[in-house]
Amino acid sequence: MKLSYINPTTNLIAMIDAFIKIYDRDLNKLKKEIELFNDENNLWRTIGNIKNSGGNLCLHLVGNLNTYIGKNMGHSGYVRDRDAEFTLKNIPKEKLVQQVTETKEIALSTLQNMTEGELKQNHVEKVFDYEMTNEFFLIHLAAHLSYHLGQINYLRRILE
């Protein structure tokens, strides 16, 4: 069986459009998931061997996307405090929702202004033990967002 591959140089605009749709969709889901917590205290609770609360996972996603998309790809000037993403507690739900909304605006603006050349460039920061293009890293970041979004959903349903 012969496999047919899409020529990567002719579909970069379609790839950017796909990233915009995925990040828009999943950041809307994150916002909705945080809003669905009936008891705001449950945003900061864990259960069993779960180490991170839904609120802290939300802060982590905001910090992650603002760093790697906003700062590194969009030159936003964001300064990350990764430790605080896991140690801050009792931030009002409305503030978390606002942070997700702002993160979505920055991420989508960055993606909308990204050129084909920037998509194919190596990411400016070596995050893992190997170099990767912005395109590859955006796939990784979308999977990371989806992974933690699912964790937040399960925590909410278990706690409430």
N, C-alpha and C. Protein backbone atom coordinates (compact mmCIF):
# COMPACT_ATOMS: atom_id res chain seq x y z
N MET A 1 0.85 -1.18 0.00
CA MET A 1 0.00 0.00 0.00
C MET A 1 0.89 1.23 0.00
N LYS A 2 0.62 2.14 -0.90
CA LYS A 2 1.38 3.38 -0.98
C LYS A 2 0.67 4.45 -0.16
N LEU A 3 1.44 5.09 0.72
CA LEU A 3 0.87 6.18 1.52
C LEU A 3 1.05 7.49 0.79
N SER A 4 0.05 8.32 0.85
CA SER A 4 0.10 9.63 0.23
C SER A 4 0.29 10.68 1.32
N TYR A 5 1.26 11.52 1.16
CA TYR A 5 1.55 12.57 2.13
C TYR A 5 1.24 13.94 1.55
N ILE A 6 0.76 14.81 2.40
CA ILE A 6 0.50 16.18 1.99
C ILE A 6 1.82 16.92 1.94
N ASN A 7 2.02 17.69 0.91
CA ASN A 7 3.24 18.49 0.80
C ASN A 7 3.21 19.56 1.89
N PRO A 8 4.14 19.49 2.85
CA PRO A 8 4.09 20.42 3.99
C PRO A 8 4.28 21.88 3.61
N THR A 9 4.88 22.16 2.49
CA THR A 9 5.10 23.57 2.13
C THR A 9 3.86 24.22 1.54
N THR A 10 2.88 23.43 1.13
CA THR A 10 1.69 24.03 0.52
C THR A 10 0.53 24.18 1.49
N ASN A 11 0.66 23.66 2.70
CA ASN A 11 -0.47 23.66 3.61
C ASN A 11 -0.19 24.38 4.93
N LEU A 12 0.78 25.26 4.96
CA LEU A 12 1.11 25.95 6.21
C LEU A 12 0.00 26.89 6.65
N ILE A 13 -0.63 27.57 5.71
CA ILE A 13 -1.74 28.46 6.07
C ILE A 13 -2.88 27.65 6.66
N ALA A 14 -3.18 26.49 6.09
CA ALA A 14 -4.22 25.62 6.62
C ALA A 14 -3.83 25.14 8.03
N MET A 15 -2.55 24.90 8.25
CA MET A 15 -2.09 24.47 9.57
C MET A 15 -2.30 25.58 10.59
N ILE A 16 -1.97 26.81 10.25
CA ILE A 16 -2.18 27.94 11.16
C ILE A 16 -3.66 28.09 11.47
N ASP A 17 -4.51 27.98 10.45
CA ASP A 17 -5.96 28.05 10.66
C ASP A 17 -6.44 26.94 11.60
N ALA A 18 -5.88 25.75 11.45
CA ALA A 18 -6.25 24.63 12.32
C ALA A 18 -5.83 24.92 13.76
N PHE A 19 -4.63 25.46 13.96
CA PHE A 19 -4.19 25.81 15.31
C PHE A 19 -5.13 26.84 15.93
N ILE A 20 -5.53 27.83 15.16
CA ILE A 20 -6.44 28.86 15.67
C ILE A 20 -7.74 28.21 16.14
N LYS A 21 -8.30 27.32 15.34
CA LYS A 21 -9.55 26.65 15.71
C LYS A 21 -9.39 25.80 16.96
N ILE A 22 -8.30 25.06 17.05
CA ILE A 22 -8.09 24.17 18.20
C ILE A 22 -7.88 24.96 19.48
N TYR A 23 -7.03 25.99 19.44
CA TYR A 23 -6.79 26.77 20.66
C TYR A 23 -8.03 27.57 21.06
N ASP A 24 -8.76 28.09 20.09
CA ASP A 24 -10.01 28.79 20.40
C ASP A 24 -10.99 27.84 21.08
N ARG A 25 -11.16 26.68 20.50
CA ARG A 25 -12.09 25.68 21.04
C ARG A 25 -11.70 25.25 22.46
N ASP A 26 -10.44 24.89 22.65
CA ASP A 26 -10.04 24.33 23.93
C ASP A 26 -9.90 25.38 25.02
N LEU A 27 -9.55 26.60 24.68
CA LEU A 27 -9.53 27.66 25.70
C LEU A 27 -10.95 28.06 26.08
N ASN A 28 -11.89 27.98 25.14
CA ASN A 28 -13.30 28.18 25.50
C ASN A 28 -13.77 27.08 26.44
N LYS A 29 -13.33 25.84 26.18
CA LYS A 29 -13.68 24.72 27.06
C LYS A 29 -13.08 24.91 28.45
N LEU A 30 -11.85 25.40 28.52
CA LEU A 30 -11.22 25.64 29.81
C LEU A 30 -12.00 26.69 30.60
N LYS A 31 -12.35 27.77 29.94
CA LYS A 31 -13.15 28.82 30.58
C LYS A 31 -14.47 28.25 31.10
N LYS A 32 -15.16 27.48 30.26
CA LYS A 32 -16.44 26.88 30.65
C LYS A 32 -16.27 25.91 31.81
N GLU A 33 -15.20 25.13 31.79
CA GLU A 33 -14.95 24.16 32.85
C GLU A 33 -14.76 24.87 34.19
N ILE A 34 -14.03 25.95 34.21
CA ILE A 34 -13.82 26.72 35.45
C ILE A 34 -15.15 27.32 35.91
N GLU A 35 -15.93 27.83 34.97
CA GLU A 35 -17.23 28.41 35.32
C GLU A 35 -18.19 27.36 35.88
N LEU A 36 -18.04 26.11 35.50
CA LEU A 36 -18.95 25.05 35.94
C LEU A 36 -18.74 24.63 37.39
N PHE A 37 -17.66 25.04 38.02
CA PHE A 37 -17.48 24.72 39.44
C PHE A 37 -18.56 25.46 40.23
N ASN A 38 -19.46 24.71 40.87
CA ASN A 38 -20.52 25.32 41.67
C ASN A 38 -19.99 25.87 42.98
N ASP A 39 -19.14 25.13 43.63
CA ASP A 39 -18.52 25.54 44.89
C ASP A 39 -17.11 26.01 44.57
N GLU A 40 -16.89 27.30 44.67
CA GLU A 40 -15.59 27.88 44.31
C GLU A 40 -14.43 27.28 45.10
N ASN A 41 -14.71 26.81 46.32
CA ASN A 41 -13.67 26.16 47.12
C ASN A 41 -13.15 24.89 46.46
N ASN A 42 -14.00 24.24 45.67
CA ASN A 42 -13.58 23.01 45.01
C ASN A 42 -12.53 23.24 43.93
N LEU A 43 -12.41 24.47 43.46
CA LEU A 43 -11.34 24.80 42.52
C LEU A 43 -9.96 24.55 43.12
N TRP A 44 -9.87 24.57 44.43
CA TRP A 44 -8.57 24.50 45.12
C TRP A 44 -8.42 23.22 45.92
N ARG A 45 -9.36 22.30 45.77
CA ARG A 45 -9.30 21.02 46.48
C ARG A 45 -8.75 19.94 45.56
N THR A 46 -8.18 18.92 46.20
CA THR A 46 -7.78 17.70 45.51
C THR A 46 -8.39 16.53 46.25
N ILE A 47 -8.22 15.36 45.73
CA ILE A 47 -8.76 14.17 46.37
C ILE A 47 -7.81 13.01 46.12
N GLY A 48 -7.70 12.14 47.10
CA GLY A 48 -6.85 10.95 46.95
C GLY A 48 -5.40 11.32 46.67
N ASN A 49 -4.84 10.69 45.67
CA ASN A 49 -3.44 10.93 45.30
C ASN A 49 -3.28 12.06 44.29
N ILE A 50 -4.36 12.76 43.99
CA ILE A 50 -4.30 13.89 43.05
C ILE A 50 -3.53 15.03 43.74
N LYS A 51 -2.49 15.52 43.08
CA LYS A 51 -1.63 16.54 43.69
C LYS A 51 -2.02 17.97 43.33
N ASN A 52 -2.62 18.17 42.16
CA ASN A 52 -2.90 19.52 41.69
C ASN A 52 -4.40 19.77 41.59
N SER A 53 -4.83 20.91 42.10
CA SER A 53 -6.24 21.29 42.03
C SER A 53 -6.59 21.81 40.64
N GLY A 54 -7.88 21.88 40.37
CA GLY A 54 -8.34 22.45 39.10
C GLY A 54 -7.88 23.88 38.93
N GLY A 55 -7.92 24.67 40.01
CA GLY A 55 -7.46 26.06 39.94
C GLY A 55 -5.99 26.15 39.61
N ASN A 56 -5.19 25.29 40.22
CA ASN A 56 -3.76 25.32 39.94
C ASN A 56 -3.44 24.83 38.53
N LEU A 57 -4.19 23.84 38.06
CA LEU A 57 -4.00 23.40 36.67
C LEU A 57 -4.38 24.51 35.69
N CYS A 58 -5.41 25.26 36.01
CA CYS A 58 -5.81 26.39 35.18
C CYS A 58 -4.69 27.44 35.15
N LEU A 59 -4.15 27.78 36.32
CA LEU A 59 -3.04 28.73 36.38
C LEU A 59 -1.84 28.22 35.60
N HIS A 60 -1.58 26.93 35.67
CA HIS A 60 -0.46 26.32 34.95
C HIS A 60 -0.66 26.46 33.44
N LEU A 61 -1.87 26.20 32.96
CA LEU A 61 -2.14 26.33 31.53
C LEU A 61 -2.00 27.78 31.06
N VAL A 62 -2.49 28.70 31.87
CA VAL A 62 -2.36 30.13 31.55
C VAL A 62 -0.88 30.51 31.46
N GLY A 63 -0.09 30.09 32.45
CA GLY A 63 1.35 30.39 32.44
C GLY A 63 2.07 29.74 31.28
N ASN A 64 1.73 28.50 31.00
CA ASN A 64 2.35 27.75 29.92
C ASN A 64 2.10 28.40 28.57
N LEU A 65 0.85 28.70 28.26
CA LEU A 65 0.51 29.26 26.96
C LEU A 65 0.99 30.70 26.81
N ASN A 66 0.93 31.47 27.89
CA ASN A 66 1.43 32.84 27.82
C ASN A 66 2.94 32.87 27.62
N THR A 67 3.62 31.86 28.13
CA THR A 67 5.07 31.79 27.96
C THR A 67 5.44 31.34 26.55
N TYR A 68 4.96 30.18 26.17
CA TYR A 68 5.45 29.57 24.94
C TYR A 68 4.81 30.12 23.67
N ILE A 69 3.55 30.52 23.73
CA ILE A 69 2.93 31.15 22.56
C ILE A 69 3.06 32.67 22.66
N GLY A 70 2.58 33.24 23.77
CA GLY A 70 2.58 34.70 23.90
C GLY A 70 3.96 35.32 23.90
N LYS A 71 4.81 34.86 24.80
CA LYS A 71 6.15 35.46 24.93
C LYS A 71 7.10 34.98 23.83
N ASN A 72 7.24 33.67 23.69
CA ASN A 72 8.25 33.14 22.79
C ASN A 72 7.90 33.27 21.31
N MET A 73 6.64 33.15 20.97
CA MET A 73 6.25 33.27 19.57
C MET A 73 5.68 34.65 19.24
N GLY A 74 5.03 35.29 20.21
CA GLY A 74 4.38 36.57 19.94
C GLY A 74 5.07 37.77 20.54
N HIS A 75 6.16 37.54 21.29
CA HIS A 75 6.97 38.62 21.87
C HIS A 75 6.15 39.53 22.78
N SER A 76 5.30 38.91 23.62
CA SER A 76 4.40 39.67 24.50
C SER A 76 5.10 40.28 25.71
N GLY A 77 6.26 39.75 26.08
CA GLY A 77 6.95 40.24 27.27
C GLY A 77 6.48 39.59 28.56
N TYR A 78 5.64 38.57 28.46
CA TYR A 78 5.13 37.87 29.63
C TYR A 78 6.28 37.33 30.48
N VAL A 79 6.13 37.43 31.80
CA VAL A 79 7.12 36.88 32.73
C VAL A 79 6.42 35.80 33.54
N ARG A 80 6.93 34.60 33.45
CA ARG A 80 6.29 33.45 34.09
C ARG A 80 6.82 33.23 35.50
N ASP A 81 5.90 32.86 36.40
CA ASP A 81 6.25 32.40 37.74
C ASP A 81 5.66 31.00 37.87
N ARG A 82 6.39 30.02 37.37
CA ARG A 82 5.87 28.65 37.30
C ARG A 82 5.56 28.10 38.70
N ASP A 83 6.39 28.39 39.67
CA ASP A 83 6.13 27.90 41.02
C ASP A 83 4.77 28.39 41.54
N ALA A 84 4.46 29.65 41.26
CA ALA A 84 3.19 30.22 41.73
C ALA A 84 1.99 29.52 41.10
N GLU A 85 2.16 28.98 39.91
CA GLU A 85 1.07 28.27 39.24
C GLU A 85 0.57 27.10 40.09
N PHE A 86 1.45 26.55 40.91
CA PHE A 86 1.11 25.39 41.71
C PHE A 86 0.96 25.69 43.19
N THR A 87 1.33 26.90 43.61
CA THR A 87 1.25 27.23 45.04
C THR A 87 0.17 28.25 45.38
N LEU A 88 -0.21 29.10 44.44
CA LEU A 88 -1.27 30.07 44.71
C LEU A 88 -2.58 29.34 44.97
N LYS A 89 -3.39 29.90 45.84
CA LYS A 89 -4.68 29.29 46.18
C LYS A 89 -5.74 30.39 46.30
N ASN A 90 -6.98 29.96 46.23
CA ASN A 90 -8.13 30.81 46.53
C ASN A 90 -8.24 32.06 45.67
N ILE A 91 -7.81 31.97 44.46
CA ILE A 91 -8.03 33.06 43.51
C ILE A 91 -9.50 32.96 43.08
N PRO A 92 -10.23 34.07 43.09
CA PRO A 92 -11.65 34.01 42.71
C PRO A 92 -11.85 33.43 41.31
N LYS A 93 -12.93 32.70 41.17
CA LYS A 93 -13.27 32.07 39.90
C LYS A 93 -13.29 33.09 38.75
N GLU A 94 -13.86 34.27 39.03
CA GLU A 94 -13.94 35.31 37.99
C GLU A 94 -12.55 35.73 37.50
N LYS A 95 -11.60 35.76 38.41
CA LYS A 95 -10.21 36.14 38.05
C LYS A 95 -9.59 35.05 37.17
N LEU A 96 -9.83 33.78 37.50
CA LEU A 96 -9.32 32.69 36.66
C LEU A 96 -9.92 32.77 35.25
N VAL A 97 -11.23 32.99 35.19
CA VAL A 97 -11.91 33.10 33.90
C VAL A 97 -11.33 34.27 33.10
N GLN A 98 -11.08 35.38 33.76
CA GLN A 98 -10.48 36.54 33.10
C GLN A 98 -9.09 36.20 32.56
N GLN A 99 -8.30 35.48 33.34
CA GLN A 99 -6.96 35.10 32.89
C GLN A 99 -7.02 34.17 31.68
N VAL A 100 -7.97 33.25 31.67
CA VAL A 100 -8.14 32.37 30.52
C VAL A 100 -8.55 33.18 29.29
N THR A 101 -9.46 34.11 29.46
CA THR A 101 -9.91 34.96 28.36
C THR A 101 -8.74 35.76 27.78
N GLU A 102 -7.93 36.36 28.65
CA GLU A 102 -6.77 37.13 28.21
C GLU A 102 -5.74 36.24 27.52
N THR A 103 -5.54 35.05 28.04
CA THR A 103 -4.61 34.10 27.43
C THR A 103 -5.08 33.71 26.04
N LYS A 104 -6.38 33.48 25.90
CA LYS A 104 -6.94 33.13 24.60
C LYS A 104 -6.71 34.27 23.59
N GLU A 105 -6.94 35.50 24.02
CA GLU A 105 -6.73 36.64 23.13
C GLU A 105 -5.29 36.72 22.67
N ILE A 106 -4.35 36.52 23.58
CA ILE A 106 -2.93 36.59 23.24
C ILE A 106 -2.54 35.43 22.32
N ALA A 107 -2.98 34.24 22.65
CA ALA A 107 -2.63 33.07 21.83
C ALA A 107 -3.20 33.21 20.42
N LEU A 108 -4.47 33.58 20.31
CA LEU A 108 -5.09 33.68 18.98
C LEU A 108 -4.49 34.82 18.18
N SER A 109 -4.20 35.93 18.82
CA SER A 109 -3.56 37.04 18.12
C SER A 109 -2.18 36.64 17.59
N THR A 110 -1.43 35.94 18.42
CA THR A 110 -0.11 35.47 18.00
C THR A 110 -0.24 34.54 16.80
N LEU A 111 -1.16 33.60 16.88
CA LEU A 111 -1.34 32.64 15.78
C LEU A 111 -1.83 33.33 14.51
N GLN A 112 -2.74 34.29 14.64
CA GLN A 112 -3.26 35.00 13.48
C GLN A 112 -2.19 35.81 12.76
N ASN A 113 -1.19 36.26 13.52
CA ASN A 113 -0.11 37.07 12.94
C ASN A 113 1.12 36.25 12.56
N MET A 114 1.08 34.95 12.79
CA MET A 114 2.22 34.09 12.51
C MET A 114 2.37 33.87 11.01
N THR A 115 3.59 33.95 10.55
CA THR A 115 3.87 33.70 9.13
C THR A 115 4.23 32.23 8.95
N GLU A 116 4.19 31.82 7.70
CA GLU A 116 4.59 30.45 7.38
C GLU A 116 6.04 30.21 7.80
N GLY A 117 6.89 31.20 7.60
CA GLY A 117 8.29 31.07 7.97
C GLY A 117 8.47 30.90 9.47
N GLU A 118 7.71 31.65 10.26
CA GLU A 118 7.79 31.54 11.72
C GLU A 118 7.31 30.17 12.20
N LEU A 119 6.31 29.64 11.53
CA LEU A 119 5.78 28.33 11.90
C LEU A 119 6.87 27.26 11.72
N LYS A 120 7.68 27.38 10.71
CA LYS A 120 8.71 26.38 10.40
C LYS A 120 10.02 26.64 11.16
N GLN A 121 10.17 27.80 11.78
CA GLN A 121 11.39 28.10 12.54
C GLN A 121 11.46 27.23 13.78
N ASN A 122 12.70 27.00 14.23
CA ASN A 122 12.86 26.34 15.52
C ASN A 122 12.36 27.25 16.62
N HIS A 123 11.75 26.64 17.62
CA HIS A 123 11.27 27.41 18.77
C HIS A 123 12.46 28.07 19.45
N VAL A 124 12.29 29.31 19.91
CA VAL A 124 13.41 30.09 20.43
C VAL A 124 14.00 29.53 21.72
N GLU A 125 13.22 28.75 22.44
CA GLU A 125 13.68 28.18 23.71
C GLU A 125 13.76 26.66 23.56
N LYS A 126 14.86 26.10 23.99
CA LYS A 126 14.99 24.64 23.95
C LYS A 126 14.33 24.08 25.20
N VAL A 127 13.10 23.63 25.06
CA VAL A 127 12.28 23.20 26.18
C VAL A 127 12.58 21.75 26.57
N PHE A 128 12.83 20.94 25.58
CA PHE A 128 13.14 19.53 25.82
C PHE A 128 14.61 19.31 25.47
N ASP A 129 15.00 18.08 25.32
CA ASP A 129 16.39 17.77 25.00
C ASP A 129 16.67 17.81 23.50
N TYR A 130 15.77 18.36 22.75
CA TYR A 130 15.94 18.42 21.30
C TYR A 130 15.29 19.70 20.77
N GLU A 131 15.76 20.12 19.62
CA GLU A 131 15.15 21.29 18.98
C GLU A 131 13.84 20.86 18.32
N MET A 132 12.92 21.81 18.23
CA MET A 132 11.65 21.54 17.58
C MET A 132 11.16 22.81 16.91
N THR A 133 10.42 22.65 15.85
CA THR A 133 9.85 23.80 15.17
C THR A 133 8.67 24.35 15.99
N ASN A 134 8.31 25.58 15.71
CA ASN A 134 7.11 26.16 16.35
C ASN A 134 5.88 25.31 16.02
N GLU A 135 5.81 24.81 14.79
CA GLU A 135 4.69 23.97 14.38
C GLU A 135 4.59 22.73 15.27
N PHE A 136 5.70 22.03 15.45
CA PHE A 136 5.72 20.84 16.31
C PHE A 136 5.34 21.21 17.74
N PHE A 137 5.91 22.32 18.24
CA PHE A 137 5.65 22.71 19.62
C PHE A 137 4.20 23.11 19.83
N LEU A 138 3.57 23.73 18.85
CA LEU A 138 2.15 24.07 18.96
C LEU A 138 1.29 22.81 19.06
N ILE A 139 1.68 21.74 18.38
CA ILE A 139 0.98 20.46 18.52
C ILE A 139 1.14 19.94 19.94
N HIS A 140 2.37 19.99 20.44
CA HIS A 140 2.62 19.55 21.82
C HIS A 140 1.79 20.37 22.82
N LEU A 141 1.79 21.69 22.66
CA LEU A 141 1.07 22.56 23.59
C LEU A 141 -0.44 22.30 23.55
N ALA A 142 -0.97 22.01 22.38
CA ALA A 142 -2.40 21.68 22.28
C ALA A 142 -2.71 20.38 23.01
N ALA A 143 -1.83 19.40 22.90
CA ALA A 143 -2.02 18.14 23.61
C ALA A 143 -1.91 18.35 25.12
N HIS A 144 -0.98 19.18 25.54
CA HIS A 144 -0.79 19.51 26.96
C HIS A 144 -2.04 20.20 27.51
N LEU A 145 -2.59 21.13 26.76
CA LEU A 145 -3.81 21.83 27.15
C LEU A 145 -4.96 20.83 27.30
N SER A 146 -5.11 19.96 26.34
CA SER A 146 -6.20 18.98 26.36
C SER A 146 -6.05 18.01 27.53
N TYR A 147 -4.83 17.59 27.81
CA TYR A 147 -4.54 16.67 28.92
C TYR A 147 -5.00 17.27 30.25
N HIS A 148 -4.56 18.50 30.53
CA HIS A 148 -4.93 19.13 31.79
C HIS A 148 -6.40 19.53 31.83
N LEU A 149 -6.97 19.87 30.69
CA LEU A 149 -8.39 20.18 30.63
C LEU A 149 -9.21 18.97 31.07
N GLY A 150 -8.82 17.78 30.63
CA GLY A 150 -9.49 16.57 31.05
C GLY A 150 -9.34 16.31 32.54
N GLN A 151 -8.17 16.60 33.09
CA GLN A 151 -7.96 16.44 34.53
C GLN A 151 -8.87 17.37 35.32
N ILE A 152 -8.99 18.61 34.87
CA ILE A 152 -9.86 19.58 35.55
C ILE A 152 -11.30 19.10 35.50
N ASN A 153 -11.73 18.59 34.36
CA ASN A 153 -13.09 18.09 34.22
C ASN A 153 -13.36 16.95 35.19
N TYR A 154 -12.46 15.99 35.26
CA TYR A 154 -12.66 14.86 36.17
C TYR A 154 -12.66 15.31 37.62
N LEU A 155 -11.74 16.21 37.98
CA LEU A 155 -11.72 16.72 39.37
C LEU A 155 -13.04 17.38 39.73
N ARG A 156 -13.55 18.22 38.83
CA ARG A 156 -14.81 18.91 39.09
C ARG A 156 -15.93 17.91 39.31
N ARG A 157 -16.01 16.92 38.44
CA ARG A 157 -17.10 15.96 38.56
C ARG A 157 -16.97 15.08 39.80
N ILE A 158 -15.77 14.76 40.19
CA ILE A 158 -15.56 13.96 41.40
C ILE A 158 -15.90 14.78 42.64
N LEU A 159 -15.44 16.03 42.67
CA LEU A 159 -15.63 16.87 43.87
C LEU A 159 -17.05 17.39 44.00
N GLU A 160 -17.75 17.49 42.91
CA GLU A 160 -19.09 18.06 42.97
C GLU A 160 -20.16 17.04 42.62
